[in-house]
């Protein structure tokens, strides 16, 4: 079986747990970073030809666009108003 050859150390398990937690906590940013990593990896691994660079370049652009959009949304978001107690509450 495939799982018989799986050798996970404690560091590997912690890294997988951290990545899973980040995907749950910030899915938009982690998806953008995953697209950037996949696009960069494909750009490095595929041969230098215009036909083969058609997939990695849009992946890189989509990842960067998602990342910049998220950062822009966070910068332009209005700060939350403080919660005030109503009269009569202590």
PDB file of N, CA and C in Angstrom:
ATOM      1  N   UNK A   1       0.824  -1.182   0.000  1.00  0.00           N
ATOM      2  CA  UNK A   1       0.000   0.000   0.000  1.00  0.00           C
ATOM      3  C   UNK A   1       0.870   1.248   0.000  1.00  0.00           C
ATOM      4  N   UNK A   2       0.265   2.329  -0.382  1.00  0.00           N
ATOM      5  CA  UNK A   2       0.975   3.601  -0.433  1.00  0.00           C
ATOM      6  C   UNK A   2       1.262   4.136   0.965  1.00  0.00           C
ATOM      7  N   UNK A   3       0.355   3.915   1.894  1.00  0.00           N
ATOM      8  CA  UNK A   3       0.538   4.445   3.239  1.00  0.00           C
ATOM      9  C   UNK A   3       1.605   3.692   4.029  1.00  0.00           C
ATOM     10  N   UNK A   4       1.989   2.507   3.589  1.00  0.00           N
ATOM     11  CA  UNK A   4       3.051   1.783   4.278  1.00  0.00           C
ATOM     12  C   UNK A   4       4.396   2.490   4.119  1.00  0.00           C
ATOM     13  N   UNK A   5       4.607   3.168   3.008  1.00  0.00           N
ATOM     14  CA  UNK A   5       5.870   3.857   2.750  1.00  0.00           C
ATOM     15  C   UNK A   5       5.894   5.279   3.301  1.00  0.00           C
ATOM     16  N   UNK A   6       4.779   5.744   3.866  1.00  0.00           N
ATOM     17  CA  UNK A   6       4.688   7.102   4.374  1.00  0.00           C
ATOM     18  C   UNK A   6       5.454   7.203   5.691  1.00  0.00           C
ATOM     19  N   UNK A   7       6.438   8.094   5.728  1.00  0.00           N
ATOM     20  CA  UNK A   7       7.265   8.257   6.913  1.00  0.00           C
ATOM     21  C   UNK A   7       7.183   9.712   7.359  1.00  0.00           C
ATOM     22  N   UNK A   8       6.281  10.002   8.288  1.00  0.00           N
ATOM     23  CA  UNK A   8       6.107  11.358   8.790  1.00  0.00           C
ATOM     24  C   UNK A   8       6.811  11.498  10.134  1.00  0.00           C
ATOM     25  N   UNK A   9       7.664  12.499  10.234  1.00  0.00           N
ATOM     26  CA  UNK A   9       8.287  12.796  11.515  1.00  0.00           C
ATOM     27  C   UNK A   9       7.423  13.830  12.230  1.00  0.00           C
ATOM     28  N   UNK A  10       7.813  14.173  13.433  1.00  0.00           N
ATOM     29  CA  UNK A  10       7.047  15.153  14.194  1.00  0.00           C
ATOM     30  C   UNK A  10       7.091  16.523  13.520  1.00  0.00           C
ATOM     31  N   UNK A  11       8.229  16.878  12.959  1.00  0.00           N
ATOM     32  CA  UNK A  11       8.343  18.158  12.253  1.00  0.00           C
ATOM     33  C   UNK A  11       7.441  18.225  11.036  1.00  0.00           C
ATOM     34  N   UNK A  12       7.349  17.123  10.295  1.00  0.00           N
ATOM     35  CA  UNK A  12       6.457  17.082   9.129  1.00  0.00           C
ATOM     36  C   UNK A  12       5.001  17.219   9.553  1.00  0.00           C
ATOM     37  N   UNK A  13       4.639  16.525  10.615  1.00  0.00           N
ATOM     38  CA  UNK A  13       3.261  16.597  11.099  1.00  0.00           C
ATOM     39  C   UNK A  13       2.933  18.002  11.593  1.00  0.00           C
ATOM     40  N   UNK A  14       3.880  18.651  12.269  1.00  0.00           N
ATOM     41  CA  UNK A  14       3.645  20.019  12.736  1.00  0.00           C
ATOM     42  C   UNK A  14       3.522  20.991  11.567  1.00  0.00           C
ATOM     43  N   UNK A  15       4.332  20.803  10.534  1.00  0.00           N
ATOM     44  CA  UNK A  15       4.253  21.681   9.358  1.00  0.00           C
ATOM     45  C   UNK A  15       2.909  21.505   8.648  1.00  0.00           C
ATOM     46  N   UNK A  16       2.451  20.263   8.499  1.00  0.00           N
ATOM     47  CA  UNK A  16       1.144  20.034   7.886  1.00  0.00           C
ATOM     48  C   UNK A  16       0.027  20.627   8.720  1.00  0.00           C
ATOM     49  N   UNK A  17       0.121  20.505  10.042  1.00  0.00           N
ATOM     50  CA  UNK A  17      -0.894  21.079  10.922  1.00  0.00           C
ATOM     51  C   UNK A  17      -0.900  22.607  10.830  1.00  0.00           C
ATOM     52  N   UNK A  18       0.278  23.212  10.759  1.00  0.00           N
ATOM     53  CA  UNK A  18       0.370  24.670  10.628  1.00  0.00           C
ATOM     54  C   UNK A  18      -0.229  25.142   9.306  1.00  0.00           C
ATOM     55  N   UNK A  19       0.088  24.452   8.219  1.00  0.00           N
ATOM     56  CA  UNK A  19      -0.471  24.830   6.920  1.00  0.00           C
ATOM     57  C   UNK A  19      -1.987  24.646   6.888  1.00  0.00           C
ATOM     58  N   UNK A  20      -2.481  23.566   7.485  1.00  0.00           N
ATOM     59  CA  UNK A  20      -3.923  23.345   7.546  1.00  0.00           C
ATOM     60  C   UNK A  20      -4.599  24.436   8.365  1.00  0.00           C
ATOM     61  N   UNK A  21      -3.983  24.825   9.491  1.00  0.00           N
ATOM     62  CA  UNK A  21      -4.542  25.893  10.316  1.00  0.00           C
ATOM     63  C   UNK A  21      -4.562  27.217   9.545  1.00  0.00           C
ATOM     64  N   UNK A  22      -3.495  27.498   8.788  1.00  0.00           N
ATOM     65  CA  UNK A  22      -3.453  28.732   8.009  1.00  0.00           C
ATOM     66  C   UNK A  22      -4.497  28.732   6.895  1.00  0.00           C
ATOM     67  N   UNK A  23      -4.718  27.560   6.265  1.00  0.00           N
ATOM     68  CA  UNK A  23      -5.740  27.487   5.220  1.00  0.00           C
ATOM     69  C   UNK A  23      -7.127  27.709   5.805  1.00  0.00           C
ATOM     70  N   UNK A  24      -7.361  27.255   7.037  1.00  0.00           N
ATOM     71  CA  UNK A  24      -8.659  27.477   7.670  1.00  0.00           C
ATOM     72  C   UNK A  24      -8.784  28.920   8.140  1.00  0.00           C
ATOM     73  N   UNK A  25      -7.719  29.475   8.675  1.00  0.00           N
ATOM     74  CA  UNK A  25      -7.745  30.822   9.252  1.00  0.00           C
ATOM     75  C   UNK A  25      -7.775  31.915   8.173  1.00  0.00           C
ATOM     76  N   UNK A  26      -6.963  31.784   7.145  1.00  0.00           N
ATOM     77  CA  UNK A  26      -6.878  32.795   6.084  1.00  0.00           C
ATOM     78  C   UNK A  26      -6.890  32.114   4.719  1.00  0.00           C
ATOM     79  N   UNK A  27      -8.051  31.622   4.278  1.00  0.00           N
ATOM     80  CA  UNK A  27      -8.083  30.847   3.027  1.00  0.00           C
ATOM     81  C   UNK A  27      -7.744  31.666   1.789  1.00  0.00           C
ATOM     82  N   UNK A  28      -8.140  32.939   1.763  1.00  0.00           N
ATOM     83  CA  UNK A  28      -7.905  33.751   0.575  1.00  0.00           C
ATOM     84  C   UNK A  28      -6.410  33.993   0.370  1.00  0.00           C
ATOM     85  N   UNK A  29      -5.708  34.347   1.431  1.00  0.00           N
ATOM     86  CA  UNK A  29      -4.275  34.612   1.336  1.00  0.00           C
ATOM     87  C   UNK A  29      -3.507  33.324   1.050  1.00  0.00           C
ATOM     88  N   UNK A  30      -3.880  32.239   1.704  1.00  0.00           N
ATOM     89  CA  UNK A  30      -3.176  30.980   1.476  1.00  0.00           C
ATOM     90  C   UNK A  30      -3.437  30.443   0.071  1.00  0.00           C
ATOM     91  N   UNK A  31      -4.628  30.657  -0.458  1.00  0.00           N
ATOM     92  CA  UNK A  31      -4.894  30.251  -1.840  1.00  0.00           C
ATOM     93  C   UNK A  31      -4.044  31.071  -2.800  1.00  0.00           C
ATOM     94  N   UNK A  32      -3.911  32.370  -2.533  1.00  0.00           N
ATOM     95  CA  UNK A  32      -3.069  33.220  -3.379  1.00  0.00           C
ATOM     96  C   UNK A  32      -1.617  32.766  -3.312  1.00  0.00           C
ATOM     97  N   UNK A  33      -1.127  32.471  -2.128  1.00  0.00           N
ATOM     98  CA  UNK A  33       0.253  32.006  -1.994  1.00  0.00           C
ATOM     99  C   UNK A  33       0.458  30.645  -2.654  1.00  0.00           C
ATOM    100  N   UNK A  34      -0.555  29.774  -2.572  1.00  0.00           N
ATOM    101  CA  UNK A  34      -0.450  28.471  -3.229  1.00  0.00           C
ATOM    102  C   UNK A  34      -0.382  28.642  -4.748  1.00  0.00           C
ATOM    103  N   UNK A  35      -1.197  29.545  -5.305  1.00  0.00           N
ATOM    104  CA  UNK A  35      -1.147  29.795  -6.747  1.00  0.00           C
ATOM    105  C   UNK A  35       0.202  30.373  -7.159  1.00  0.00           C
ATOM    106  N   UNK A  36       0.748  31.269  -6.330  1.00  0.00           N
ATOM    107  CA  UNK A  36       2.070  31.822  -6.621  1.00  0.00           C
ATOM    108  C   UNK A  36       3.131  30.726  -6.605  1.00  0.00           C
ATOM    109  N   UNK A  37       3.064  29.843  -5.624  1.00  0.00           N
ATOM    110  CA  UNK A  37       4.058  28.757  -5.534  1.00  0.00           C
ATOM    111  C   UNK A  37       3.940  27.791  -6.705  1.00  0.00           C
ATOM    112  N   UNK A  38       2.709  27.437  -7.065  1.00  0.00           N
ATOM    113  CA  UNK A  38       2.512  26.515  -8.192  1.00  0.00           C
ATOM    114  C   UNK A  38       2.979  27.158  -9.492  1.00  0.00           C
ATOM    115  N   UNK A  39       2.631  28.426  -9.699  1.00  0.00           N
ATOM    116  CA  UNK A  39       3.063  29.118 -10.910  1.00  0.00           C
ATOM    117  C   UNK A  39       4.569  29.251 -10.989  1.00  0.00           C
ATOM    118  N   UNK A  40       5.207  29.593  -9.877  1.00  0.00           N
ATOM    119  CA  UNK A  40       6.670  29.696  -9.852  1.00  0.00           C
ATOM    120  C   UNK A  40       7.350  28.366 -10.082  1.00  0.00           C
ATOM    121  N   UNK A  41       6.804  27.318  -9.482  1.00  0.00           N
ATOM    122  CA  UNK A  41       7.379  25.981  -9.664  1.00  0.00           C
ATOM    123  C   UNK A  41       7.247  25.521 -11.113  1.00  0.00           C
ATOM    124  N   UNK A  42       6.072  25.729 -11.702  1.00  0.00           N
ATOM    125  CA  UNK A  42       5.890  25.341 -13.098  1.00  0.00           C
ATOM    126  C   UNK A  42       6.782  26.157 -14.025  1.00  0.00           C
ATOM    127  N   UNK A  43       6.964  27.429 -13.702  1.00  0.00           N
ATOM    128  CA  UNK A  43       7.821  28.276 -14.530  1.00  0.00           C
ATOM    129  C   UNK A  43       9.270  27.793 -14.486  1.00  0.00           C
ATOM    130  N   UNK A  44       9.687  27.289 -13.340  1.00  0.00           N
ATOM    131  CA  UNK A  44      11.054  26.779 -13.210  1.00  0.00           C
ATOM    132  C   UNK A  44      11.202  25.408 -13.859  1.00  0.00           C
ATOM    133  N   UNK A  45      10.214  24.534 -13.679  1.00  0.00           N
ATOM    134  CA  UNK A  45      10.342  23.151 -14.142  1.00  0.00           C
ATOM    135  C   UNK A  45      10.074  22.970 -15.633  1.00  0.00           C
ATOM    136  N   UNK A  46       9.171  23.762 -16.196  1.00  0.00           N
ATOM    137  CA  UNK A  46       8.830  23.578 -17.606  1.00  0.00           C
ATOM    138  C   UNK A  46       9.914  24.186 -18.496  1.00  0.00           C
ATOM    139  N   UNK A  47      10.064  23.667 -19.710  1.00  0.00           N
ATOM    140  CA  UNK A  47      11.084  24.218 -20.615  1.00  0.00           C
ATOM    141  C   UNK A  47      10.755  25.648 -21.032  1.00  0.00           C
ATOM    142  N   UNK A  48      11.789  26.365 -21.426  1.00  0.00           N
ATOM    143  CA  UNK A  48      11.610  27.758 -21.839  1.00  0.00           C
ATOM    144  C   UNK A  48      11.025  27.801 -23.252  1.00  0.00           C
ATOM    145  N   UNK A  49       9.739  27.848 -23.317  1.00  0.00           N
ATOM    146  CA  UNK A  49       9.028  27.937 -24.585  1.00  0.00           C
ATOM    147  C   UNK A  49       7.749  28.712 -24.319  1.00  0.00           C
ATOM    148  N   UNK A  50       7.313  29.502 -25.257  1.00  0.00           N
ATOM    149  CA  UNK A  50       6.131  30.332 -25.053  1.00  0.00           C
ATOM    150  C   UNK A  50       4.897  29.476 -24.821  1.00  0.00           C
ATOM    151  N   UNK A  51       4.827  28.313 -25.419  1.00  0.00           N
ATOM    152  CA  UNK A  51       3.659  27.449 -25.250  1.00  0.00           C
ATOM    153  C   UNK A  51       3.555  26.952 -23.816  1.00  0.00           C
ATOM    154  N   UNK A  52       4.684  26.581 -23.224  1.00  0.00           N
ATOM    155  CA  UNK A  52       4.662  26.027 -21.871  1.00  0.00           C
ATOM    156  C   UNK A  52       4.542  27.104 -20.804  1.00  0.00           C
ATOM    157  N   UNK A  53       4.814  28.346 -21.127  1.00  0.00           N
ATOM    158  CA  UNK A  53       4.703  29.410 -20.126  1.00  0.00           C
ATOM    159  C   UNK A  53       3.304  30.005 -20.084  1.00  0.00           C
ATOM    160  N   UNK A  54       2.381  29.471 -20.862  1.00  0.00           N
ATOM    161  CA  UNK A  54       1.021  29.997 -20.857  1.00  0.00           C
ATOM    162  C   UNK A  54       0.272  29.655 -19.570  1.00  0.00           C
ATOM    163  N   UNK A  55       0.599  28.563 -18.887  1.00  0.00           N
ATOM    164  CA  UNK A  55      -0.074  28.215 -17.644  1.00  0.00           C
ATOM    165  C   UNK A  55       0.557  28.890 -16.423  1.00  0.00           C
ATOM    166  N   UNK A  56       1.888  28.872 -16.252  1.00  0.00           N
ATOM    167  CA  UNK A  56       2.444  29.459 -15.025  1.00  0.00           C
ATOM    168  C   UNK A  56       2.250  30.968 -14.901  1.00  0.00           C
ATOM    169  N   UNK A  57       2.324  31.701 -15.998  1.00  0.00           N
ATOM    170  CA  UNK A  57       2.204  33.153 -15.908  1.00  0.00           C
ATOM    171  C   UNK A  57       0.827  33.610 -15.445  1.00  0.00           C
ATOM    172  N   UNK A  58      -0.265  33.042 -15.972  1.00  0.00           N
ATOM    173  CA  UNK A  58      -1.571  33.422 -15.411  1.00  0.00           C
ATOM    174  C   UNK A  58      -1.744  32.991 -13.953  1.00  0.00           C
ATOM    175  N   UNK A  59      -1.167  31.856 -13.574  1.00  0.00           N
ATOM    176  CA  UNK A  59      -1.247  31.448 -12.173  1.00  0.00           C
ATOM    177  C   UNK A  59      -0.534  32.450 -11.274  1.00  0.00           C
ATOM    178  N   UNK A  60       0.634  32.908 -11.699  1.00  0.00           N
ATOM    179  CA  UNK A  60       1.353  33.916 -10.937  1.00  0.00           C
ATOM    180  C   UNK A  60       0.550  35.217 -10.871  1.00  0.00           C
ATOM    181  N   UNK A  61      -0.020  35.617 -11.995  1.00  0.00           N
ATOM    182  CA  UNK A  61      -0.814  36.842 -12.021  1.00  0.00           C
ATOM    183  C   UNK A  61      -2.063  36.743 -11.164  1.00  0.00           C
ATOM    184  N   UNK A  62      -2.735  35.604 -11.204  1.00  0.00           N
ATOM    185  CA  UNK A  62      -3.929  35.415 -10.392  1.00  0.00           C
ATOM    186  C   UNK A  62      -3.577  35.434  -8.908  1.00  0.00           C
ATOM    187  N   UNK A  63      -2.497  34.767  -8.548  1.00  0.00           N
ATOM    188  CA  UNK A  63      -2.071  34.767  -7.146  1.00  0.00           C
ATOM    189  C   UNK A  63      -1.702  36.157  -6.668  1.00  0.00           C
ATOM    190  N   UNK A  64      -0.955  36.902  -7.478  1.00  0.00           N
ATOM    191  CA  UNK A  64      -0.594  38.269  -7.099  1.00  0.00           C
ATOM    192  C   UNK A  64      -1.828  39.169  -7.019  1.00  0.00           C
ATOM    193  N   UNK A  65      -2.744  38.986  -7.957  1.00  0.00           N
ATOM    194  CA  UNK A  65      -3.976  39.779  -7.935  1.00  0.00           C
ATOM    195  C   UNK A  65      -4.805  39.505  -6.696  1.00  0.00           C
ATOM    196  N   UNK A  66      -4.923  38.241  -6.319  1.00  0.00           N
ATOM    197  CA  UNK A  66      -5.673  37.899  -5.113  1.00  0.00           C
ATOM    198  C   UNK A  66      -5.009  38.486  -3.873  1.00  0.00           C
ATOM    199  N   UNK A  67      -3.686  38.410  -3.832  1.00  0.00           N
ATOM    200  CA  UNK A  67      -2.950  38.928  -2.681  1.00  0.00           C
ATOM    201  C   UNK A  67      -3.080  40.444  -2.584  1.00  0.00           C
ATOM    202  N   UNK A  68      -2.901  41.142  -3.696  1.00  0.00           N
ATOM    203  CA  UNK A  68      -3.025  42.596  -3.683  1.00  0.00           C
ATOM    204  C   UNK A  68      -4.455  43.036  -3.372  1.00  0.00           C
ATOM    205  N   UNK A  69      -5.448  42.299  -3.889  1.00  0.00           N
ATOM    206  CA  UNK A  69      -6.842  42.624  -3.609  1.00  0.00           C
ATOM    207  C   UNK A  69      -7.139  42.493  -2.114  1.00  0.00           C
ATOM    208  N   UNK A  70      -6.631  41.433  -1.502  1.00  0.00           N
ATOM    209  CA  UNK A  70      -6.845  41.233  -0.069  1.00  0.00           C
ATOM    210  C   UNK A  70      -6.194  42.351   0.739  1.00  0.00           C
ATOM    211  N   UNK A  71      -4.967  42.685   0.389  1.00  0.00           N
ATOM    212  CA  UNK A  71      -4.284  43.757   1.113  1.00  0.00           C
ATOM    213  C   UNK A  71      -4.990  45.099   0.923  1.00  0.00           C
ATOM    214  N   UNK A  72      -5.485  45.366  -0.278  1.00  0.00           N
ATOM    215  CA  UNK A  72      -6.212  46.607  -0.546  1.00  0.00           C
ATOM    216  C   UNK A  72      -7.504  46.659   0.267  1.00  0.00           C
ATOM    217  N   UNK A  73      -8.222  45.532   0.322  1.00  0.00           N
ATOM    218  CA  UNK A  73      -9.465  45.487   1.088  1.00  0.00           C
ATOM    219  C   UNK A  73      -9.206  45.724   2.568  1.00  0.00           C
ATOM    220  N   UNK A  74      -8.100  45.200   3.076  1.00  0.00           N
ATOM    221  CA  UNK A  74      -7.785  45.396   4.494  1.00  0.00           C
ATOM    222  C   UNK A  74      -7.399  46.836   4.786  1.00  0.00           C
ATOM    223  N   UNK A  75      -6.702  47.485   3.862  1.00  0.00           N
ATOM    224  CA  UNK A  75      -6.288  48.879   4.080  1.00  0.00           C
ATOM    225  C   UNK A  75      -7.463  49.842   4.005  1.00  0.00           C
ATOM    226  N   UNK A  76      -8.405  49.569   3.123  1.00  0.00           N
ATOM    227  CA  UNK A  76      -9.510  50.501   2.927  1.00  0.00           C
ATOM    228  C   UNK A  76     -10.705  50.201   3.815  1.00  0.00           C
ATOM    229  N   UNK A  77     -10.665  49.127   4.567  1.00  0.00           N
ATOM    230  CA  UNK A  77     -11.794  48.793   5.435  1.00  0.00           C
ATOM    231  C   UNK A  77     -11.874  49.791   6.582  1.00  0.00           C
ATOM    232  N   UNK A  78     -13.071  50.187   6.886  1.00  0.00           N
ATOM    233  CA  UNK A  78     -13.266  51.129   7.985  1.00  0.00           C
ATOM    234  C   UNK A  78     -13.048  50.399   9.310  1.00  0.00           C
ATOM    235  N   UNK A  79     -12.411  51.066  10.267  1.00  0.00           N
ATOM    236  CA  UNK A  79     -12.219  50.415  11.564  1.00  0.00           C
ATOM    237  C   UNK A  79     -13.565  50.215  12.265  1.00  0.00           C
ATOM    238  N   UNK A  80     -13.655  49.187  13.027  1.00  0.00           N
ATOM    239  CA  UNK A  80     -14.892  48.864  13.724  1.00  0.00           C
ATOM    240  C   UNK A  80     -15.144  49.887  14.823  1.00  0.00           C
ATOM    241  N   UNK A  81     -16.391  50.279  14.957  1.00  0.00           N
ATOM    242  CA  UNK A  81     -16.757  51.255  15.978  1.00  0.00           C
ATOM    243  C   UNK A  81     -16.757  50.571  17.344  1.00  0.00           C
ATOM    244  N   UNK A  82     -16.302  51.270  18.372  1.00  0.00           N
ATOM    245  CA  UNK A  82     -16.298  50.658  19.700  1.00  0.00           C
ATOM    246  C   UNK A  82     -17.725  50.451  20.193  1.00  0.00           C
ATOM    247  N   UNK A  83     -17.916  49.424  20.955  1.00  0.00           N
ATOM    248  CA  UNK A  83     -19.228  49.102  21.504  1.00  0.00           C
ATOM    249  C   UNK A  83     -19.421  49.927  22.768  1.00  0.00           C
ATOM    250  N   UNK A  84     -20.520  50.670  22.823  1.00  0.00           N
ATOM    251  CA  UNK A  84     -20.817  51.499  23.992  1.00  0.00           C
ATOM    252  C   UNK A  84     -21.953  50.880  24.779  1.00  0.00           C
ATOM    253  N   UNK A  85     -21.860  51.039  26.057  1.00  0.00           N
ATOM    254  CA  UNK A  85     -22.925  50.529  26.930  1.00  0.00           C
ATOM    255  C   UNK A  85     -24.113  51.463  26.834  1.00  0.00           C
ATOM    256  N   UNK A  86     -25.303  50.884  26.867  1.00  0.00           N
ATOM    257  CA  UNK A  86     -26.523  51.694  26.848  1.00  0.00           C
ATOM    258  C   UNK A  86     -26.794  52.248  28.243  1.00  0.00           C
ATOM    259  N   UNK A  87     -27.480  53.351  28.343  1.00  0.00           N
ATOM    260  CA  UNK A  87     -27.763  53.907  29.676  1.00  0.00           C
ATOM    261  C   UNK A  87     -28.549  52.913  30.531  1.00  0.00           C
ATOM    262  N   UNK A  88     -28.192  52.830  31.763  1.00  0.00           N
ATOM    263  CA  UNK A  88     -28.862  51.899  32.676  1.00  0.00           C
ATOM    264  C   UNK A  88     -28.100  50.612  32.886  1.00  0.00           C
ATOM    265  N   UNK A  89     -27.112  50.325  32.007  1.00  0.00           N
ATOM    266  CA  UNK A  89     -26.282  49.132  32.176  1.00  0.00           C
ATOM    267  C   UNK A  89     -25.068  49.494  32.983  1.00  0.00           C
ATOM    268  N   UNK A  90     -24.628  48.581  33.784  1.00  0.00           N
ATOM    269  CA  UNK A  90     -23.407  48.862  34.558  1.00  0.00           C
ATOM    270  C   UNK A  90     -22.248  48.054  34.073  1.00  0.00           C
TER     271      UNK A  90
END
